[in-house]
Amino acid sequence: MLSADQRSAQHQQPAARRPSSANQQPEAALHAFGNICGVGRQEDQMKLDSEAEENLKRLVYTTAANSPKLTPSALLLSVLQQDPDVRIAGYRVITGLVIREWCLREVCLNSEIIRFVTDPTMETTKLGMETRYGCCVAINKALSSSHLLHEASLSELVGKLNDAVKRGPYLSDRKRVEARPVVDTAERF
């Protein structure tokens, strides 16, 4: 789709912002875009050929430039600030895009995106928690194999991502308090 003719892919992004019937439903277009970006494919097959990758990058930057947000990171953040269904689709798009160095940089330079992805209380449904966690794992994995890992400005972000990955999809920030039996010795005469 992105290799041969970019026109068909160009219709994908505007569809994500267009109202569908009475309400806006961009989640279907975002899910489809996530599939184009590689979500659902095996990890070694997520990237496209070089021409398609360049078209994908151009599509993302052009769409962002033509939106009120102007940058891909601001556009992704605005998706994460939507309703839970749209946010889940946004997590999928980020999961697919962060394997690309240019998008990983966009995501890492926006601390609000990282806050959304690492906040365990952000999602309340099982699907939302798992998708958010999958996105967090994808960012962490892409960052750990990137040269960005050694940038001093991102050290706090790396720690935050590592903590979120260790916590898993369902645990919140609260420290778990284990039950402790209380043993009271009987008074002796």
C-alpha atoms as a PDB file:
ATOM      1  CA  MET A   1       0.000   0.000   0.000  1.00  0.00           C
ATOM      2  CA  LEU A   2       2.769   2.438   0.905  1.00  0.00           C
ATOM      3  CA  SER A   3       5.245   1.063  -1.636  1.00  0.00           C
ATOM      4  CA  ALA A   4       3.416   1.418  -4.904  1.00  0.00           C
ATOM      5  CA  ASP A   5       1.108   4.369  -4.561  1.00  0.00           C
ATOM      6  CA  GLN A   6       0.946   6.733  -1.650  1.00  0.00           C
ATOM      7  CA  ARG A   7      -2.491   8.080  -2.601  1.00  0.00           C
ATOM      8  CA  SER A   8      -4.381   5.212  -0.974  1.00  0.00           C
ATOM      9  CA  ALA A   9      -2.428   5.566   2.264  1.00  0.00           C
ATOM     10  CA  GLN A  10      -2.950   9.320   2.279  1.00  0.00           C
ATOM     11  CA  HIS A  11      -6.688   8.754   2.688  1.00  0.00           C
ATOM     12  CA  GLN A  12      -6.074   6.763   5.850  1.00  0.00           C
ATOM     13  CA  GLN A  13      -4.935   9.665   8.044  1.00  0.00           C
ATOM     14  CA  PRO A  14      -7.646  12.194   7.122  1.00  0.00           C
ATOM     15  CA  ALA A  15     -10.216   9.476   7.723  1.00  0.00           C
ATOM     16  CA  ALA A  16      -9.017   9.319  11.311  1.00  0.00           C
ATOM     17  CA  ARG A  17     -10.034  12.924  11.829  1.00  0.00           C
ATOM     18  CA  ARG A  18     -13.316  12.926   9.864  1.00  0.00           C
ATOM     19  CA  PRO A  19     -16.634  12.519  11.646  1.00  0.00           C
ATOM     20  CA  SER A  20     -18.419   9.279  10.911  1.00  0.00           C
ATOM     21  CA  SER A  21     -22.212   9.622  10.978  1.00  0.00           C
ATOM     22  CA  ALA A  22     -23.310  11.558  14.060  1.00  0.00           C
ATOM     23  CA  ASN A  23     -20.235  10.959  16.232  1.00  0.00           C
ATOM     24  CA  GLN A  24     -16.560  11.012  15.531  1.00  0.00           C
ATOM     25  CA  GLN A  25     -15.111   7.524  15.347  1.00  0.00           C
ATOM     26  CA  PRO A  26     -11.446   7.814  14.439  1.00  0.00           C
ATOM     27  CA  GLU A  27     -10.543   4.608  16.253  1.00  0.00           C
ATOM     28  CA  ALA A  28     -11.222   2.397  13.205  1.00  0.00           C
ATOM     29  CA  ALA A  29      -8.879   4.462  11.042  1.00  0.00           C
ATOM     30  CA  LEU A  30      -6.258   4.498  13.805  1.00  0.00           C
ATOM     31  CA  HIS A  31      -6.500   0.712  14.219  1.00  0.00           C
ATOM     32  CA  ALA A  32      -6.072   0.322  10.454  1.00  0.00           C
ATOM     33  CA  PHE A  33      -3.092   2.672  10.524  1.00  0.00           C
ATOM     34  CA  GLY A  34      -1.624   0.626  13.388  1.00  0.00           C
ATOM     35  CA  ASN A  35      -1.907  -2.459  11.186  1.00  0.00           C
ATOM     36  CA  ILE A  36      -0.126  -0.622   8.361  1.00  0.00           C
ATOM     37  CA  CYS A  37       2.632   0.329  10.826  1.00  0.00           C
ATOM     38  CA  GLY A  38       3.197  -3.316  11.675  1.00  0.00           C
ATOM     39  CA  VAL A  39       1.092  -4.081  14.740  1.00  0.00           C
ATOM     40  CA  GLY A  40      -0.051  -7.666  14.446  1.00  0.00           C
ATOM     41  CA  ARG A  41       2.954  -8.757  12.399  1.00  0.00           C
ATOM     42  CA  GLN A  42       5.947 -10.574  13.802  1.00  0.00           C
ATOM     43  CA  GLU A  43       8.601  -8.311  15.243  1.00  0.00           C
ATOM     44  CA  ASP A  44      11.120  -8.955  12.470  1.00  0.00           C
ATOM     45  CA  GLN A  45       8.490  -8.139   9.814  1.00  0.00           C
ATOM     46  CA  MET A  46       7.130  -4.887  11.259  1.00  0.00           C
ATOM     47  CA  LYS A  47       9.290  -2.623   9.116  1.00  0.00           C
ATOM     48  CA  LEU A  48       8.474  -2.119   5.463  1.00  0.00           C
ATOM     49  CA  ASP A  49      10.840  -1.792   2.516  1.00  0.00           C
ATOM     50  CA  SER A  50      12.855   1.427   2.303  1.00  0.00           C
ATOM     51  CA  GLU A  51      10.514   3.194  -0.142  1.00  0.00           C
ATOM     52  CA  ALA A  52       7.440   2.333   1.922  1.00  0.00           C
ATOM     53  CA  GLU A  53       9.209   3.414   5.121  1.00  0.00           C
ATOM     54  CA  GLU A  54      10.022   6.776   3.555  1.00  0.00           C
ATOM     55  CA  ASN A  55       6.406   7.149   2.392  1.00  0.00           C
ATOM     56  CA  LEU A  56       5.167   6.280   5.890  1.00  0.00           C
ATOM     57  CA  LYS A  57       7.458   8.874   7.457  1.00  0.00           C
ATOM     58  CA  ARG A  58       6.386  11.504   4.932  1.00  0.00           C
ATOM     59  CA  LEU A  59       2.725  10.635   5.520  1.00  0.00           C
ATOM     60  CA  VAL A  60       3.050  11.023   9.296  1.00  0.00           C
ATOM     61  CA  TYR A  61       4.967  14.308   9.125  1.00  0.00           C
ATOM     62  CA  THR A  62       2.674  15.751   6.430  1.00  0.00           C
ATOM     63  CA  THR A  63      -0.445  14.810   8.370  1.00  0.00           C
ATOM     64  CA  ALA A  64       0.978  16.378  11.521  1.00  0.00           C
ATOM     65  CA  ALA A  65       2.010  19.532   9.669  1.00  0.00           C
ATOM     66  CA  ASN A  66      -1.492  19.874   8.210  1.00  0.00           C
ATOM     67  CA  SER A  67      -3.124  19.456  11.619  1.00  0.00           C
ATOM     68  CA  PRO A  68      -3.380  22.090  14.361  1.00  0.00           C
ATOM     69  CA  LYS A  69      -0.782  20.095  16.335  1.00  0.00           C
ATOM     70  CA  LEU A  70       2.062  20.577  13.780  1.00  0.00           C
ATOM     71  CA  THR A  71       4.326  17.748  15.052  1.00  0.00           C
ATOM     72  CA  PRO A  72       3.860  13.972  15.170  1.00  0.00           C
ATOM     73  CA  SER A  73       4.470  13.907  18.932  1.00  0.00           C
ATOM     74  CA  ALA A  74       1.789  16.540  19.568  1.00  0.00           C
ATOM     75  CA  LEU A  75      -0.604  14.692  17.258  1.00  0.00           C
ATOM     76  CA  LEU A  76       0.018  11.389  19.071  1.00  0.00           C
ATOM     77  CA  LEU A  77      -0.472  13.110  22.419  1.00  0.00           C
ATOM     78  CA  SER A  78      -3.798  14.547  21.270  1.00  0.00           C
ATOM     79  CA  VAL A  79      -4.917  11.015  20.339  1.00  0.00           C
ATOM     80  CA  LEU A  80      -3.961   9.757  23.811  1.00  0.00           C
ATOM     81  CA  GLN A  81      -6.036  12.542  25.371  1.00  0.00           C
ATOM     82  CA  GLN A  82      -9.236  11.247  23.724  1.00  0.00           C
ATOM     83  CA  ASP A  83     -11.821   8.724  24.917  1.00  0.00           C
ATOM     84  CA  PRO A  84     -10.570   5.263  25.967  1.00  0.00           C
ATOM     85  CA  ASP A  85     -11.456   3.598  22.630  1.00  0.00           C
ATOM     86  CA  VAL A  86      -9.469   6.161  20.656  1.00  0.00           C
ATOM     87  CA  ARG A  87      -6.653   6.021  23.221  1.00  0.00           C
ATOM     88  CA  ILE A  88      -6.388   2.232  22.778  1.00  0.00           C
ATOM     89  CA  ALA A  89      -6.081   2.725  19.020  1.00  0.00           C
ATOM     90  CA  GLY A  90      -3.450   5.394  19.703  1.00  0.00           C
ATOM     91  CA  TYR A  91      -1.427   2.972  21.825  1.00  0.00           C
ATOM     92  CA  ARG A  92      -1.490   0.529  18.890  1.00  0.00           C
ATOM     93  CA  VAL A  93      -0.261   3.192  16.455  1.00  0.00           C
ATOM     94  CA  ILE A  94       2.579   4.167  18.799  1.00  0.00           C
ATOM     95  CA  THR A  95       3.456   0.485  19.284  1.00  0.00           C
ATOM     96  CA  GLY A  96       3.847   0.105  15.531  1.00  0.00           C
ATOM     97  CA  LEU A  97       5.667   3.360  14.917  1.00  0.00           C
ATOM     98  CA  VAL A  98       8.289   3.348  17.706  1.00  0.00           C
ATOM     99  CA  ILE A  99      10.390   0.667  16.038  1.00  0.00           C
ATOM    100  CA  ARG A 100      11.348   3.469  13.667  1.00  0.00           C
ATOM    101  CA  GLU A 101      14.080   5.749  15.036  1.00  0.00           C
ATOM    102  CA  TRP A 102      12.397   8.976  13.880  1.00  0.00           C
ATOM    103  CA  CYS A 103       9.165   8.154  15.716  1.00  0.00           C
ATOM    104  CA  LEU A 104      10.954   6.853  18.795  1.00  0.00           C
ATOM    105  CA  ARG A 105      12.673  10.239  19.041  1.00  0.00           C
ATOM    106  CA  GLU A 106       9.311  12.044  18.669  1.00  0.00           C
ATOM    107  CA  VAL A 107       7.753   9.920  21.426  1.00  0.00           C
ATOM    108  CA  CYS A 108      10.710  10.177  23.814  1.00  0.00           C
ATOM    109  CA  LEU A 109      10.936  13.943  23.500  1.00  0.00           C
ATOM    110  CA  ASN A 110       7.331  14.360  24.635  1.00  0.00           C
ATOM    111  CA  SER A 111       7.182  13.607  28.364  1.00  0.00           C
ATOM    112  CA  GLU A 112       3.368  13.713  28.346  1.00  0.00           C
ATOM    113  CA  ILE A 113       3.223  10.716  25.986  1.00  0.00           C
ATOM    114  CA  ILE A 114       5.519   8.812  28.335  1.00  0.00           C
ATOM    115  CA  ARG A 115       3.341   9.827  31.288  1.00  0.00           C
ATOM    116  CA  PHE A 116       0.249   8.406  29.563  1.00  0.00           C
ATOM    117  CA  VAL A 117       1.998   5.181  28.604  1.00  0.00           C
ATOM    118  CA  THR A 118       3.566   4.551  32.022  1.00  0.00           C
ATOM    119  CA  ASP A 119       0.595   5.577  34.189  1.00  0.00           C
ATOM    120  CA  PRO A 120      -1.031   2.329  35.387  1.00  0.00           C
ATOM    121  CA  THR A 121      -4.196   4.134  36.465  1.00  0.00           C
ATOM    122  CA  MET A 122      -4.828   5.609  33.003  1.00  0.00           C
ATOM    123  CA  GLU A 123      -6.845   2.619  31.763  1.00  0.00           C
ATOM    124  CA  THR A 124      -9.657   0.834  33.571  1.00  0.00           C
ATOM    125  CA  THR A 125     -10.479  -2.017  31.176  1.00  0.00           C
ATOM    126  CA  LYS A 126      -8.456  -5.175  30.673  1.00  0.00           C
ATOM    127  CA  LEU A 127      -7.966  -4.414  26.964  1.00  0.00           C
ATOM    128  CA  GLY A 128      -6.899  -0.854  27.754  1.00  0.00           C
ATOM    129  CA  MET A 129      -4.404  -1.975  30.396  1.00  0.00           C
ATOM    130  CA  GLU A 130      -2.908  -4.634  28.134  1.00  0.00           C
ATOM    131  CA  THR A 131      -2.672  -2.328  25.115  1.00  0.00           C
ATOM    132  CA  ARG A 132      -1.103   0.461  27.190  1.00  0.00           C
ATOM    133  CA  TYR A 133       1.387  -2.026  28.629  1.00  0.00           C
ATOM    134  CA  GLY A 134       2.192  -3.420  25.170  1.00  0.00           C
ATOM    135  CA  CYS A 135       2.913   0.111  24.000  1.00  0.00           C
ATOM    136  CA  CYS A 136       5.134   0.700  27.027  1.00  0.00           C
ATOM    137  CA  VAL A 137       7.053  -2.527  26.327  1.00  0.00           C
ATOM    138  CA  ALA A 138       7.471  -1.578  22.649  1.00  0.00           C
ATOM    139  CA  ILE A 139       8.876   1.854  23.539  1.00  0.00           C
ATOM    140  CA  ASN A 140      11.184   0.336  26.164  1.00  0.00           C
ATOM    141  CA  LYS A 141      12.434  -2.356  23.770  1.00  0.00           C
ATOM    142  CA  ALA A 142      12.989   0.121  20.923  1.00  0.00           C
ATOM    143  CA  LEU A 143      14.762   2.524  23.258  1.00  0.00           C
ATOM    144  CA  SER A 144      17.009  -0.176  24.732  1.00  0.00           C
ATOM    145  CA  SER A 145      18.255  -1.122  21.257  1.00  0.00           C
ATOM    146  CA  SER A 146      18.662   2.500  20.155  1.00  0.00           C
ATOM    147  CA  HIS A 147      21.540   4.931  20.515  1.00  0.00           C
ATOM    148  CA  LEU A 148      19.059   7.231  22.297  1.00  0.00           C
ATOM    149  CA  LEU A 149      19.437   5.010  25.367  1.00  0.00           C
ATOM    150  CA  HIS A 150      22.722   6.701  26.256  1.00  0.00           C
ATOM    151  CA  GLU A 151      21.449  10.275  26.076  1.00  0.00           C
ATOM    152  CA  ALA A 152      21.657  11.815  29.540  1.00  0.00           C
ATOM    153  CA  SER A 153      18.452  13.790  29.040  1.00  0.00           C
ATOM    154  CA  LEU A 154      16.492  10.545  28.687  1.00  0.00           C
ATOM    155  CA  SER A 155      17.823   8.748  31.784  1.00  0.00           C
ATOM    156  CA  GLU A 156      14.741   9.564  33.883  1.00  0.00           C
ATOM    157  CA  LEU A 157      12.504   8.392  31.053  1.00  0.00           C
ATOM    158  CA  VAL A 158      14.392   5.093  30.775  1.00  0.00           C
ATOM    159  CA  GLY A 159      13.937   4.489  34.515  1.00  0.00           C
ATOM    160  CA  LYS A 160      10.238   5.298  34.299  1.00  0.00           C
ATOM    161  CA  LEU A 161       9.759   2.886  31.386  1.00  0.00           C
ATOM    162  CA  ASN A 162      11.727   0.117  33.127  1.00  0.00           C
ATOM    163  CA  ASP A 163       9.601   0.495  36.270  1.00  0.00           C
ATOM    164  CA  ALA A 164       6.385   0.407  34.244  1.00  0.00           C
ATOM    165  CA  VAL A 165       7.477  -2.725  32.386  1.00  0.00           C
ATOM    166  CA  LYS A 166       8.439  -4.462  35.650  1.00  0.00           C
ATOM    167  CA  ARG A 167       5.047  -3.602  37.175  1.00  0.00           C
ATOM    168  CA  GLY A 168       3.170  -5.333  34.401  1.00  0.00           C
ATOM    169  CA  PRO A 169      -0.139  -4.336  32.839  1.00  0.00           C
ATOM    170  CA  TYR A 170      -2.383  -4.508  35.900  1.00  0.00           C
ATOM    171  CA  LEU A 171      -0.411  -3.206  38.876  1.00  0.00           C
ATOM    172  CA  SER A 172      -0.825   0.364  39.948  1.00  0.00           C
ATOM    173  CA  ASP A 173       1.666   2.724  41.583  1.00  0.00           C
ATOM    174  CA  ARG A 174       0.460   1.809  45.039  1.00  0.00           C
ATOM    175  CA  LYS A 175       2.851  -0.290  47.024  1.00  0.00           C
ATOM    176  CA  ARG A 176       1.260  -3.580  47.896  1.00  0.00           C
ATOM    177  CA  VAL A 177       0.989  -4.233  51.575  1.00  0.00           C
ATOM    178  CA  GLU A 178       1.256  -7.886  52.378  1.00  0.00           C
ATOM    179  CA  ALA A 179      -0.858  -9.305  55.176  1.00  0.00           C
ATOM    180  CA  ARG A 180       1.185  -9.897  58.318  1.00  0.00           C
ATOM    181  CA  PRO A 181      -0.073 -12.139  61.043  1.00  0.00           C
ATOM    182  CA  VAL A 182      -0.079 -10.533  64.444  1.00  0.00           C
ATOM    183  CA  VAL A 183       1.096 -12.854  67.164  1.00  0.00           C
ATOM    184  CA  ASP A 184       0.289 -11.844  70.682  1.00  0.00           C
ATOM    185  CA  THR A 185       1.837 -13.906  73.438  1.00  0.00           C
ATOM    186  CA  ALA A 186      -0.402 -14.803  76.324  1.00  0.00           C
ATOM    187  CA  GLU A 187       0.345 -13.225  79.663  1.00  0.00           C
ATOM    188  CA  ARG A 188       1.981 -15.544  82.108  1.00  0.00           C
ATOM    189  CA  PHE A 189       1.286 -15.661  85.789  1.00  0.00           C
END
